Amino acid sequence: MRELKKLSPYIFLFVITGLTALYTLLGERGSDSFNKEKQSVGIADTTAITSVTLQANNKTTKLKKEPNGKWLVNNKYEAREKLISLLFFGLNKIEVKRPVADNKKEGVVKNLKQDGVKVSVESSDNRDVFYVLSNENDVNSTYFLAEGSSDPVIVFVPGVKGDLSELASLQEQDWRSRVLFNSSPRSLQKVSVSFPAAPSENFTIVSKGNKFEVENLPAQDSSKIHRYLMLYGVTNVDKYIVDGKDTIVNQLHNGKPFSTIQVDDIVDNLSKTVDIYLDPWKQGKIYAIIRNTGELVTLNPELTNYLLVKKSFFAPSNK
C-alpha cells in the first residue's frame, strides 16, 4: 500500500500523457479534410502564370508576362523583378493555418469581399480567384477566401514575416521597376555629366573600341572609369512622385538643375537624360526629372553622390 502511494504521481502523469496522445491522434484523424484543403491553397507551378490581376478600392493593377519573359504593370511599365519573385514565392508556399470559427465566418466573408483584395491568377491552363484581407489579430497571417466558397481560412507563408494582403494591395507605382539607368559597360556608348555652377568639372566618357576614355583629360585612371560606369547598372529610383507632381516640378524649374546626366546606349530605350535637383525645401531629398518621360522621382542621396563626381575624380591619384 505504501508503495502504491509512492507510485501514484507517476501513474497520474502516465494517464494524462496517454490521454493527450490519444486526443492528438484522434484530432489528426479528424482533420484529414483540413489537411487536404491546406495542400490545395498554394499554386504549385508559378512558372506557368501568365498574369495576375489585383482589384481593391475600385482600382485594378494587372501584372502581365511578356513573350520575352519580362513582366509589365498595366501594360505601361516594366515590373520590379524582386516583387514579382516575392509574390510568386507567397503564392507557391502559402499554407492554411486554421479555419475561421463558425460564428465568425459570415462577418469575415463580408469583410473579405468588401475590403479585401480580389486576386485573379491566370496560368496557361488554369485560373485561380480568391480574396485576401489583413488579419487584425495576427500580423503574420491573412484571411483567405476562394471565389465561390463560403468557408474562409487563415493562411500564412512559412518562414516569412508579414501579411500577404499587404503585397497584394500595392498600387501601380509600387509595382513598377525602380531602375533609373539599366546600362552596362557592354551597351554604353557615352555618358555626359554637366554641372551648371561648375562647368569646368563637366565630363564626357566615351566608348572607344574595347575601352572607355574621359574626353579632354590628359591623364586618367581606367579602373576609376570602369568602377564609375558600373553604377549605371545599379542606380534605382527611390520613389515615383505622382500626387502633387506639378507643384514640385514648378518649384524645381524656378532654379537650375544641380547636374544633368545624359546616357547614350546601344539599346534606344535605355538612353536617358536626367536633370538632378537639390531639395528646395531643404528636407534632404534629391529630386530628378527624367526628360524622356517627364517623370518626377526621388533618388538615394548617397548613391547619387557617387554618380555626381567631378572630372578631376578620374585623374590618377597622387602617390
C-alpha atoms as a PDB file:
ATOM      1  CA  MET A   1       0.000   0.000   0.000  1.00  0.00           C
ATOM      2  CA  ARG A   2       2.856   2.302   0.882  1.00  0.00           C
ATOM      3  CA  GLU A   3       4.485   1.522  -2.497  1.00  0.00           C
ATOM      4  CA  LEU A   4       1.251   2.337  -4.334  1.00  0.00           C
ATOM      5  CA  LYS A   5       1.146   5.787  -2.735  1.00  0.00           C
ATOM      6  CA  LYS A   6       4.692   6.444  -3.902  1.00  0.00           C
ATOM      7  CA  LEU A   7       3.782   5.478  -7.464  1.00  0.00           C
ATOM      8  CA  SER A   8       0.510   7.462  -7.584  1.00  0.00           C
ATOM      9  CA  PRO A   9       2.022  10.699  -9.044  1.00  0.00           C
ATOM     10  CA  TYR A  10       3.700   8.720 -11.845  1.00  0.00           C
ATOM     11  CA  ILE A  11       0.501   6.794 -12.620  1.00  0.00           C
ATOM     12  CA  PHE A  12      -1.373  10.131 -12.840  1.00  0.00           C
ATOM     13  CA  LEU A  13       1.264  11.556 -15.203  1.00  0.00           C
ATOM     14  CA  PHE A  14       1.132   8.407 -17.345  1.00  0.00           C
ATOM     15  CA  VAL A  15      -2.650   8.605 -17.658  1.00  0.00           C
ATOM     16  CA  ILE A  16      -2.590  12.320 -18.597  1.00  0.00           C
ATOM     17  CA  THR A  17       0.181  11.736 -21.155  1.00  0.00           C
ATOM     18  CA  GLY A  18      -1.730   8.836 -22.665  1.00  0.00           C
ATOM     19  CA  LEU A  19      -4.947  10.821 -22.933  1.00  0.00           C
ATOM     20  CA  THR A  20      -3.095  13.703 -24.562  1.00  0.00           C
ATOM     21  CA  ALA A  21      -1.561  11.385 -27.147  1.00  0.00           C
ATOM     22  CA  LEU A  22      -4.947   9.812 -27.854  1.00  0.00           C
ATOM     23  CA  TYR A  23      -6.564  13.251 -28.264  1.00  0.00           C
ATOM     24  CA  THR A  24      -3.843  14.322 -30.665  1.00  0.00           C
ATOM     25  CA  LEU A  25      -4.181  11.123 -32.691  1.00  0.00           C
ATOM     26  CA  LEU A  26      -7.943  11.439 -32.952  1.00  0.00           C
ATOM     27  CA  GLY A  27      -7.595  15.123 -33.796  1.00  0.00           C
ATOM     28  CA  GLU A  28      -5.214  14.332 -36.613  1.00  0.00           C
ATOM     29  CA  ARG A  29      -7.556  11.670 -37.986  1.00  0.00           C
ATOM     30  CA  GLY A  30     -10.443  14.097 -37.825  1.00  0.00           C
ATOM     31  CA  SER A  31      -8.572  16.821 -39.694  1.00  0.00           C
ATOM     32  CA  ASP A  32      -7.949  14.955 -42.936  1.00  0.00           C
ATOM     33  CA  SER A  33     -10.225  17.317 -44.872  1.00  0.00           C
ATOM     34  CA  PHE A  34      -8.421  20.313 -43.380  1.00  0.00           C
ATOM     35  CA  ASN A  35      -5.043  18.902 -44.433  1.00  0.00           C
ATOM     36  CA  LYS A  36      -6.315  18.326 -47.949  1.00  0.00           C
ATOM     37  CA  GLU A  37      -7.516  21.926 -48.051  1.00  0.00           C
ATOM     38  CA  LYS A  38      -4.097  23.005 -46.775  1.00  0.00           C
ATOM     39  CA  GLN A  39      -2.421  21.247 -49.665  1.00  0.00           C
ATOM     40  CA  SER A  40      -4.689  22.861 -52.272  1.00  0.00           C
ATOM     41  CA  VAL A  41      -4.258  26.543 -51.355  1.00  0.00           C
ATOM     42  CA  GLY A  42      -0.828  27.212 -52.893  1.00  0.00           C
ATOM     43  CA  ILE A  43      -0.189  27.396 -56.645  1.00  0.00           C
ATOM     44  CA  ALA A  44       2.167  24.545 -57.424  1.00  0.00           C
ATOM     45  CA  ASP A  45       3.631  25.781 -60.716  1.00  0.00           C
ATOM     46  CA  THR A  46       4.186  29.530 -60.645  1.00  0.00           C
ATOM     47  CA  THR A  47       6.277  29.323 -63.834  1.00  0.00           C
ATOM     48  CA  ALA A  48       3.036  28.749 -65.758  1.00  0.00           C
ATOM     49  CA  ILE A  49       1.472  32.011 -64.519  1.00  0.00           C
ATOM     50  CA  THR A  50       0.816  34.467 -67.341  1.00  0.00           C
ATOM     51  CA  SER A  51      -0.943  37.275 -65.462  1.00  0.00           C
ATOM     52  CA  VAL A  52      -2.038  38.385 -62.002  1.00  0.00           C
ATOM     53  CA  THR A  53      -4.856  40.900 -61.543  1.00  0.00           C
ATOM     54  CA  LEU A  54      -5.260  42.729 -58.228  1.00  0.00           C
ATOM     55  CA  GLN A  55      -8.509  44.586 -57.500  1.00  0.00           C
ATOM     56  CA  ALA A  56      -9.063  46.745 -54.417  1.00  0.00           C
ATOM     57  CA  ASN A  57     -10.688  50.097 -53.589  1.00  0.00           C
ATOM     58  CA  ASN A  58     -12.066  50.433 -57.131  1.00  0.00           C
ATOM     59  CA  LYS A  59      -8.543  50.217 -58.559  1.00  0.00           C
ATOM     60  CA  THR A  60      -7.117  47.470 -60.719  1.00  0.00           C
ATOM     61  CA  THR A  61      -3.462  46.575 -61.180  1.00  0.00           C
ATOM     62  CA  LYS A  62      -2.608  43.938 -63.773  1.00  0.00           C
ATOM     63  CA  LEU A  63       0.742  42.213 -63.926  1.00  0.00           C
ATOM     64  CA  LYS A  64       1.273  40.529 -67.283  1.00  0.00           C
ATOM     65  CA  LYS A  65       4.064  38.348 -68.591  1.00  0.00           C
ATOM     66  CA  GLU A  66       5.503  39.309 -71.969  1.00  0.00           C
ATOM     67  CA  PRO A  67       6.816  36.791 -74.552  1.00  0.00           C
ATOM     68  CA  ASN A  68      10.379  37.806 -73.623  1.00  0.00           C
ATOM     69  CA  GLY A  69       9.753  36.814 -70.008  1.00  0.00           C
ATOM     70  CA  LYS A  70       9.558  40.376 -68.690  1.00  0.00           C
ATOM     71  CA  TRP A  71       6.569  41.466 -66.608  1.00  0.00           C
ATOM     72  CA  LEU A  72       4.603  44.646 -67.272  1.00  0.00           C
ATOM     73  CA  VAL A  73       2.423  46.696 -64.924  1.00  0.00           C
ATOM     74  CA  ASN A  74      -0.874  47.710 -66.565  1.00  0.00           C
ATOM     75  CA  ASN A  75       0.833  47.376 -69.966  1.00  0.00           C
ATOM     76  CA  LYS A  76       2.776  50.577 -69.241  1.00  0.00           C
ATOM     77  CA  TYR A  77       5.792  49.897 -67.045  1.00  0.00           C
ATOM     78  CA  GLU A  78       8.299  47.145 -66.527  1.00  0.00           C
ATOM     79  CA  ALA A  79       7.626  45.450 -63.194  1.00  0.00           C
ATOM     80  CA  ARG A  80      10.016  45.100 -60.270  1.00  0.00           C
ATOM     81  CA  GLU A  81      11.561  41.662 -60.586  1.00  0.00           C
ATOM     82  CA  LYS A  82      12.085  41.257 -56.833  1.00  0.00           C
ATOM     83  CA  LEU A  83       8.437  41.990 -56.072  1.00  0.00           C
ATOM     84  CA  ILE A  84       7.243  39.556 -58.751  1.00  0.00           C
ATOM     85  CA  SER A  85       9.520  36.871 -57.270  1.00  0.00           C
ATOM     86  CA  LEU A  86       8.219  37.623 -53.763  1.00  0.00           C
ATOM     87  CA  LEU A  87       4.610  37.412 -54.948  1.00  0.00           C
ATOM     88  CA  PHE A  88       5.183  34.071 -56.653  1.00  0.00           C
ATOM     89  CA  PHE A  89       7.010  32.707 -53.620  1.00  0.00           C
ATOM     90  CA  GLY A  90       3.997  33.609 -51.492  1.00  0.00           C
ATOM     91  CA  LEU A  91       1.504  32.091 -53.947  1.00  0.00           C
ATOM     92  CA  ASN A  92       3.520  28.878 -54.047  1.00  0.00           C
ATOM     93  CA  LYS A  93       4.286  28.459 -50.340  1.00  0.00           C
ATOM     94  CA  ILE A  94       1.049  29.752 -48.809  1.00  0.00           C
ATOM     95  CA  GLU A  95      -0.481  27.373 -46.283  1.00  0.00           C
ATOM     96  CA  VAL A  96      -3.644  27.231 -44.216  1.00  0.00           C
ATOM     97  CA  LYS A  97      -3.029  27.921 -40.546  1.00  0.00           C
ATOM     98  CA  ARG A  98      -6.568  27.226 -39.379  1.00  0.00           C
ATOM     99  CA  PRO A  99     -10.182  27.652 -40.493  1.00  0.00           C
ATOM    100  CA  VAL A 100     -12.199  30.650 -39.331  1.00  0.00           C
ATOM    101  CA  ALA A 101     -14.516  29.873 -36.410  1.00  0.00           C
ATOM    102  CA  ASP A 102     -18.116  29.149 -37.468  1.00  0.00           C
ATOM    103  CA  ASN A 103     -19.517  32.081 -35.505  1.00  0.00           C
ATOM    104  CA  LYS A 104     -17.185  34.498 -37.326  1.00  0.00           C
ATOM    105  CA  LYS A 105     -17.417  33.148 -40.863  1.00  0.00           C
ATOM    106  CA  GLU A 106     -20.238  35.380 -42.068  1.00  0.00           C
ATOM    107  CA  GLY A 107     -18.557  38.574 -40.890  1.00  0.00           C
ATOM    108  CA  VAL A 108     -15.153  37.589 -42.269  1.00  0.00           C
ATOM    109  CA  VAL A 109     -16.642  36.712 -45.676  1.00  0.00           C
ATOM    110  CA  LYS A 110     -18.389  40.087 -45.783  1.00  0.00           C
ATOM    111  CA  ASN A 111     -15.183  41.946 -44.886  1.00  0.00           C
ATOM    112  CA  LEU A 112     -13.123  39.983 -47.415  1.00  0.00           C
ATOM    113  CA  LYS A 113     -15.461  40.855 -50.283  1.00  0.00           C
ATOM    114  CA  GLN A 114     -15.962  44.440 -49.165  1.00  0.00           C
ATOM    115  CA  ASP A 115     -12.485  45.480 -48.027  1.00  0.00           C
ATOM    116  CA  GLY A 116     -10.172  42.725 -49.244  1.00  0.00           C
ATOM    117  CA  VAL A 117      -8.087  42.382 -52.404  1.00  0.00           C
ATOM    118  CA  LYS A 118      -9.506  40.219 -55.165  1.00  0.00           C
ATOM    119  CA  VAL A 119      -6.655  38.271 -56.754  1.00  0.00           C
ATOM    120  CA  SER A 120      -7.036  36.566 -60.147  1.00  0.00           C
ATOM    121  CA  VAL A 121      -4.155  34.352 -61.199  1.00  0.00           C
ATOM    122  CA  GLU A 122      -4.157  33.249 -64.837  1.00  0.00           C
ATOM    123  CA  SER A 123      -1.980  30.328 -65.861  1.00  0.00           C
ATOM    124  CA  SER A 124      -1.527  28.628 -69.202  1.00  0.00           C
ATOM    125  CA  ASP A 125      -4.252  26.092 -68.354  1.00  0.00           C
ATOM    126  CA  ASN A 126      -5.895  27.331 -65.156  1.00  0.00           C
ATOM    127  CA  ARG A 127      -7.448  30.310 -63.352  1.00  0.00           C
ATOM    128  CA  ASP A 128      -7.428  30.824 -59.585  1.00  0.00           C
ATOM    129  CA  VAL A 129      -9.508  33.588 -57.992  1.00  0.00           C
ATOM    130  CA  PHE A 130      -9.535  34.412 -54.289  1.00  0.00           C
ATOM    131  CA  TYR A 131      -9.799  37.252 -51.773  1.00  0.00           C
ATOM    132  CA  VAL A 132      -7.224  38.204 -49.130  1.00  0.00           C
ATOM    133  CA  LEU A 133      -7.510  40.589 -46.185  1.00  0.00           C
ATOM    134  CA  SER A 134      -5.240  41.507 -43.273  1.00  0.00           C
ATOM    135  CA  ASN A 135      -5.822  39.598 -40.062  1.00  0.00           C
ATOM    136  CA  GLU A 136      -6.007  42.251 -37.348  1.00  0.00           C
ATOM    137  CA  ASN A 137      -5.271  39.616 -34.694  1.00  0.00           C
ATOM    138  CA  ASP A 138      -2.061  38.321 -36.275  1.00  0.00           C
ATOM    139  CA  VAL A 139       0.227  40.497 -38.405  1.00  0.00           C
ATOM    140  CA  ASN A 140       1.894  37.406 -39.893  1.00  0.00           C
ATOM    141  CA  SER A 141      -1.267  35.798 -41.260  1.00  0.00           C
ATOM    142  CA  THR A 142      -4.033  36.676 -43.710  1.00  0.00           C
ATOM    143  CA  TYR A 143      -7.734  35.919 -44.161  1.00  0.00           C
ATOM    144  CA  PHE A 144      -8.282  33.955 -47.381  1.00  0.00           C
ATOM    145  CA  LEU A 145     -11.424  33.056 -49.298  1.00  0.00           C
ATOM    146  CA  ALA A 146     -11.553  31.134 -52.566  1.00  0.00           C
ATOM    147  CA  GLU A 147     -14.122  32.502 -55.012  1.00  0.00           C
ATOM    148  CA  GLY A 148     -17.338  30.514 -54.797  1.00  0.00           C
ATOM    149  CA  SER A 149     -16.577  29.325 -51.264  1.00  0.00           C
ATOM    150  CA  SER A 150     -18.286  30.370 -48.047  1.00  0.00           C
ATOM    151  CA  ASP A 151     -15.553  28.950 -45.813  1.00  0.00           C
ATOM    152  CA  PRO A 152     -12.771  31.495 -45.151  1.00  0.00           C
ATOM    153  CA  VAL A 153      -9.485  30.336 -43.683  1.00  0.00           C
ATOM    154  CA  ILE A 154      -6.445  31.962 -42.126  1.00  0.00           C
ATOM    155  CA  VAL A 155      -3.287  31.482 -44.188  1.00  0.00           C
ATOM    156  CA  PHE A 156       0.403  32.246 -43.783  1.00  0.00           C
ATOM    157  CA  VAL A 157       3.687  31.826 -45.632  1.00  0.00           C
ATOM    158  CA  PRO A 158       6.060  29.660 -43.554  1.00  0.00           C
ATOM    159  CA  GLY A 159       9.269  31.425 -42.605  1.00  0.00           C
ATOM    160  CA  VAL A 160       8.114  34.824 -43.899  1.00  0.00           C
ATOM    161  CA  LYS A 161       7.053  37.684 -41.662  1.00  0.00           C
ATOM    162  CA  GLY A 162       4.251  39.936 -42.813  1.00  0.00           C
ATOM    163  CA  ASP A 163       0.831  39.847 -44.372  1.00  0.00           C
ATOM    164  CA  LEU A 164       0.244  38.582 -47.906  1.00  0.00           C
ATOM    165  CA  SER A 165      -2.587  41.071 -48.438  1.00  0.00           C
ATOM    166  CA  GLU A 166      -0.171  43.993 -47.954  1.00  0.00           C
ATOM    167  CA  LEU A 167       1.772  42.808 -51.004  1.00  0.00           C
ATOM    168  CA  ALA A 168      -1.438  42.312 -52.974  1.00  0.00           C
ATOM    169  CA  SER A 169      -2.573  45.847 -52.024  1.00  0.00           C
ATOM    170  CA  LEU A 170       0.373  47.574 -53.705  1.00  0.00           C
ATOM    171  CA  GLN A 171      -0.561  50.091 -56.398  1.00  0.00           C
ATOM    172  CA  GLU A 172       0.697  50.645 -59.941  1.00  0.00           C
ATOM    173  CA  GLN A 173       3.598  52.883 -58.945  1.00  0.00           C
ATOM    174  CA  ASP A 174       4.679  50.430 -56.259  1.00  0.00           C
ATOM    175  CA  TRP A 175       4.921  47.516 -58.705  1.00  0.00           C
ATOM    176  CA  ARG A 176       6.845  49.288 -61.421  1.00  0.00           C
ATOM    177  CA  SER A 177      10.586  48.822 -61.838  1.00  0.00           C
ATOM    178  CA  ARG A 178      12.796  51.134 -59.799  1.00  0.00           C
ATOM    179  CA  VAL A 179      15.649  51.038 -62.298  1.00  0.00           C
ATOM    180  CA  LEU A 180      16.745  54.532 -63.349  1.00  0.00           C
ATOM    181  CA  PHE A 181      19.687  53.561 -65.512  1.00  0.00           C
ATOM    182  CA  ASN A 182      19.898  49.991 -66.747  1.00  0.00           C
ATOM    183  CA  SER A 183      23.037  50.245 -68.854  1.00  0.00           C
ATOM    184  CA  SER A 184      26.181  48.160 -68.597  1.00  0.00           C
ATOM    185  CA  PRO A 185      29.677  48.892 -69.919  1.00  0.00           C
ATOM    186  CA  ARG A 186      28.876  46.462 -72.756  1.00  0.00           C
ATOM    187  CA  SER A 187      25.992  48.568 -74.071  1.00  0.00           C
ATOM    188  CA  LEU A 188      27.038  52.087 -73.035  1.00  0.00           C
ATOM    189  CA  GLN A 189      28.228  54.400 -75.760  1.00  0.00           C
ATOM    190  CA  LYS A 190      28.581  57.695 -73.904  1.00  0.00           C
ATOM    191  CA  VAL A 191      27.918  59.262 -70.512  1.00  0.00           C
ATOM    192  CA  SER A 192      27.929  63.041 -70.105  1.00  0.00           C
ATOM    193  CA  VAL A 193      27.642  64.768 -66.727  1.00  0.00           C
ATOM    194  CA  SER A 194      27.352  68.558 -66.503  1.00  0.00           C
ATOM    195  CA  PHE A 195      27.330  70.987 -63.567  1.00  0.00           C
ATOM    196  CA  PRO A 196      25.825  74.412 -64.417  1.00  0.00           C
ATOM    197  CA  ALA A 197      27.528  76.020 -61.420  1.00  0.00           C
ATOM    198  CA  ALA A 198      30.945  74.462 -62.178  1.00  0.00           C
ATOM    199  CA  PRO A 199      31.247  73.862 -65.940  1.00  0.00           C
ATOM    200  CA  SER A 200      34.983  73.187 -65.690  1.00  0.00           C
ATOM    201  CA  GLU A 201      34.145  69.930 -63.928  1.00  0.00           C
ATOM    202  CA  ASN A 202      31.822  68.693 -66.668  1.00  0.00           C
ATOM    203  CA  PHE A 203      32.957  65.429 -68.242  1.00  0.00           C
ATOM    204  CA  THR A 204      32.070  63.010 -71.007  1.00  0.00           C
ATOM    205  CA  ILE A 205      33.071  59.351 -71.057  1.00  0.00           C
ATOM    206  CA  VAL A 206      33.007  57.722 -74.483  1.00  0.00           C
ATOM    207  CA  SER A 207      33.413  54.165 -75.687  1.00  0.00           C
ATOM    208  CA  LYS A 208      36.436  53.727 -77.921  1.00  0.00           C
ATOM    209  CA  GLY A 209      36.841  50.201 -79.156  1.00  0.00           C
ATOM    210  CA  ASN A 210      37.296  47.965 -76.128  1.00  0.00           C
ATOM    211  CA  LYS A 211      37.815  50.717 -73.566  1.00  0.00           C
ATOM    212  CA  PHE A 212      36.341  53.956 -72.245  1.00  0.00           C
ATOM    213  CA  GLU A 213      38.021  57.338 -72.078  1.00  0.00           C
ATOM    214  CA  VAL A 214      37.250  60.670 -70.457  1.00  0.00           C
ATOM    215  CA  GLU A 215      37.359  63.297 -73.181  1.00  0.00           C
ATOM    216  CA  ASN A 216      39.946  66.080 -72.801  1.00  0.00           C
ATOM    217  CA  LEU A 217      41.607  64.600 -69.742  1.00  0.00           C
ATOM    218  CA  PRO A 218      45.332  64.061 -70.451  1.00  0.00           C
ATOM    219  CA  ALA A 219      45.955  61.521 -67.679  1.00  0.00           C
ATOM    220  CA  GLN A 220      43.186  59.245 -66.410  1.00  0.00           C
ATOM    221  CA  ASP A 221      42.706  56.152 -64.262  1.00  0.00           C
ATOM    222  CA  SER A 222      40.935  53.408 -66.259  1.00  0.00           C
ATOM    223  CA  SER A 223      39.983  51.464 -63.118  1.00  0.00           C
ATOM    224  CA  LYS A 224      38.120  54.507 -61.781  1.00  0.00           C
ATOM    225  CA  ILE A 225      36.290  54.860 -65.080  1.00  0.00           C
ATOM    226  CA  HIS A 226      35.255  51.194 -65.017  1.00  0.00           C
ATOM    227  CA  ARG A 227      34.008  51.314 -61.415  1.00  0.00           C
ATOM    228  CA  TYR A 228      32.094  54.512 -62.124  1.00  0.00           C
ATOM    229  CA  LEU A 229      30.316  53.104 -65.190  1.00  0.00           C
ATOM    230  CA  MET A 230      29.206  50.043 -63.221  1.00  0.00           C
ATOM    231  CA  LEU A 231      26.904  52.386 -61.263  1.00  0.00           C
ATOM    232  CA  TYR A 232      24.722  52.804 -64.342  1.00  0.00           C
ATOM    233  CA  GLY A 233      23.528  49.241 -63.966  1.00  0.00           C
ATOM    234  CA  VAL A 234      22.519  49.537 -60.297  1.00  0.00           C
ATOM    235  CA  THR A 235      21.124  53.050 -59.834  1.00  0.00           C
ATOM    236  CA  ASN A 236      17.496  52.897 -58.760  1.00  0.00           C
ATOM    237  CA  VAL A 237      14.662  55.326 -58.119  1.00  0.00           C
ATOM    238  CA  ASP A 238      13.553  55.729 -54.512  1.00  0.00           C
ATOM    239  CA  LYS A 239      10.035  56.845 -55.416  1.00  0.00           C
ATOM    240  CA  TYR A 240       7.960  57.918 -58.408  1.00  0.00           C
ATOM    241  CA  ILE A 241       6.036  61.058 -57.496  1.00  0.00           C
ATOM    242  CA  VAL A 242       2.525  61.305 -58.932  1.00  0.00           C
ATOM    243  CA  ASP A 243       0.460  63.180 -56.350  1.00  0.00           C
ATOM    244  CA  GLY A 244       1.500  66.840 -56.201  1.00  0.00           C
ATOM    245  CA  LYS A 245       3.939  66.363 -59.068  1.00  0.00           C
ATOM    246  CA  ASP A 246       3.133  69.610 -60.928  1.00  0.00           C
ATOM    247  CA  THR A 247       3.626  71.758 -57.823  1.00  0.00           C
ATOM    248  CA  ILE A 248       7.041  70.245 -57.141  1.00  0.00           C
ATOM    249  CA  VAL A 249       8.157  70.466 -60.791  1.00  0.00           C
ATOM    250  CA  ASN A 250       7.155  74.136 -60.993  1.00  0.00           C
ATOM    251  CA  GLN A 251       9.184  74.877 -57.875  1.00  0.00           C
ATOM    252  CA  LEU A 252      12.216  72.996 -59.219  1.00  0.00           C
ATOM    253  CA  HIS A 253      12.031  74.870 -62.522  1.00  0.00           C
ATOM    254  CA  ASN A 254      12.445  78.150 -60.627  1.00  0.00           C
ATOM    255  CA  GLY A 255      16.123  77.254 -60.386  1.00  0.00           C
ATOM    256  CA  LYS A 256      18.715  75.400 -62.449  1.00  0.00           C
ATOM    257  CA  PRO A 257      19.498  71.703 -62.076  1.00  0.00           C
ATOM    258  CA  PHE A 258      22.444  70.911 -59.855  1.00  0.00           C
ATOM    259  CA  SER A 259      23.536  68.475 -62.553  1.00  0.00           C
ATOM    260  CA  THR A 260      22.372  66.811 -65.764  1.00  0.00           C
ATOM    261  CA  ILE A 261      23.269  63.247 -66.728  1.00  0.00           C
ATOM    262  CA  GLN A 262      22.916  62.108 -70.319  1.00  0.00           C
ATOM    263  CA  VAL A 263      23.310  58.417 -71.140  1.00  0.00           C
ATOM    264  CA  ASP A 264      23.612  57.135 -74.702  1.00  0.00           C
ATOM    265  CA  ASP A 265      23.123  53.383 -75.008  1.00  0.00           C
ATOM    266  CA  ILE A 266      23.099  50.942 -77.916  1.00  0.00           C
ATOM    267  CA  VAL A 267      19.579  49.995 -76.786  1.00  0.00           C
ATOM    268  CA  ASP A 268      17.435  53.031 -77.605  1.00  0.00           C
ATOM    269  CA  ASN A 269      15.034  52.793 -74.658  1.00  0.00           C
ATOM    270  CA  LEU A 270      17.997  52.733 -72.256  1.00  0.00           C
ATOM    271  CA  SER A 271      19.255  56.109 -73.460  1.00  0.00           C
ATOM    272  CA  LYS A 272      18.135  58.742 -70.983  1.00  0.00           C
ATOM    273  CA  THR A 273      18.624  62.364 -69.900  1.00  0.00           C
ATOM    274  CA  VAL A 274      18.053  63.180 -66.242  1.00  0.00           C
ATOM    275  CA  ASP A 275      18.086  66.593 -64.545  1.00  0.00           C
ATOM    276  CA  ILE A 276      19.014  66.376 -60.865  1.00  0.00           C
ATOM    277  CA  TYR A 277      17.879  68.992 -58.344  1.00  0.00           C
ATOM    278  CA  LEU A 278      18.738  69.609 -54.731  1.00  0.00           C
ATOM    279  CA  ASP A 279      15.755  69.835 -52.401  1.00  0.00           C
ATOM    280  CA  PRO A 280      14.499  73.471 -52.395  1.00  0.00           C
ATOM    281  CA  TRP A 281      12.669  72.734 -49.125  1.00  0.00           C
ATOM    282  CA  LYS A 282      15.924  71.524 -47.524  1.00  0.00           C
ATOM    283  CA  GLN A 283      14.490  68.230 -46.321  1.00  0.00           C
ATOM    284  CA  GLY A 284      17.434  66.185 -47.540  1.00  0.00           C
ATOM    285  CA  LYS A 285      15.775  64.815 -50.674  1.00  0.00           C
ATOM    286  CA  ILE A 286      17.275  64.561 -54.154  1.00  0.00           C
ATOM    287  CA  TYR A 287      14.773  65.158 -56.949  1.00  0.00           C
ATOM    288  CA  ALA A 288      15.227  64.161 -60.576  1.00  0.00           C
ATOM    289  CA  ILE A 289      13.207  64.846 -63.705  1.00  0.00           C
ATOM    290  CA  ILE A 290      13.529  62.248 -66.464  1.00  0.00           C
ATOM    291  CA  ARG A 291      13.333  64.310 -69.638  1.00  0.00           C
ATOM    292  CA  ASN A 292      12.423  61.378 -71.890  1.00  0.00           C
ATOM    293  CA  THR A 293       9.196  60.701 -69.997  1.00  0.00           C
ATOM    294  CA  GLY A 294       8.630  63.871 -67.949  1.00  0.00           C
ATOM    295  CA  GLU A 295       8.513  61.772 -64.777  1.00  0.00           C
ATOM    296  CA  LEU A 296       9.482  63.145 -61.381  1.00  0.00           C
ATOM    297  CA  VAL A 297      11.356  60.871 -58.973  1.00  0.00           C
ATOM    298  CA  THR A 298      13.417  60.984 -55.810  1.00  0.00           C
ATOM    299  CA  LEU A 299      16.855  59.381 -55.606  1.00  0.00           C
ATOM    300  CA  ASN A 300      19.003  57.979 -52.838  1.00  0.00           C
ATOM    301  CA  PRO A 301      21.323  60.861 -51.833  1.00  0.00           C
ATOM    302  CA  GLU A 302      24.294  58.608 -51.025  1.00  0.00           C
ATOM    303  CA  LEU A 303      24.203  56.730 -54.327  1.00  0.00           C
ATOM    304  CA  THR A 304      23.594  59.950 -56.248  1.00  0.00           C
ATOM    305  CA  ASN A 305      26.796  61.396 -54.778  1.00  0.00           C
ATOM    306  CA  TYR A 306      28.745  58.550 -56.387  1.00  0.00           C
ATOM    307  CA  LEU A 307      27.222  59.434 -59.766  1.00  0.00           C
ATOM    308  CA  LEU A 308      27.916  63.155 -59.463  1.00  0.00           C
ATOM    309  CA  VAL A 309      31.684  63.072 -59.274  1.00  0.00           C
ATOM    310  CA  LYS A 310      33.688  65.818 -60.957  1.00  0.00           C
ATOM    311  CA  LYS A 311      36.010  65.453 -63.955  1.00  0.00           C
ATOM    312  CA  SER A 312      39.067  65.621 -61.688  1.00  0.00           C
ATOM    313  CA  PHE A 313      37.921  62.396 -59.989  1.00  0.00           C
ATOM    314  CA  PHE A 314      39.171  60.363 -62.944  1.00  0.00           C
ATOM    315  CA  ALA A 315      42.711  61.688 -62.802  1.00  0.00           C
ATOM    316  CA  PRO A 316      45.345  59.296 -61.401  1.00  0.00           C
ATOM    317  CA  SER A 317      45.809  59.511 -57.642  1.00  0.00           C
ATOM    318  CA  ASN A 318      48.998  61.072 -56.387  1.00  0.00           C
ATOM    319  CA  LYS A 319      51.238  58.518 -54.668  1.00  0.00           C
END
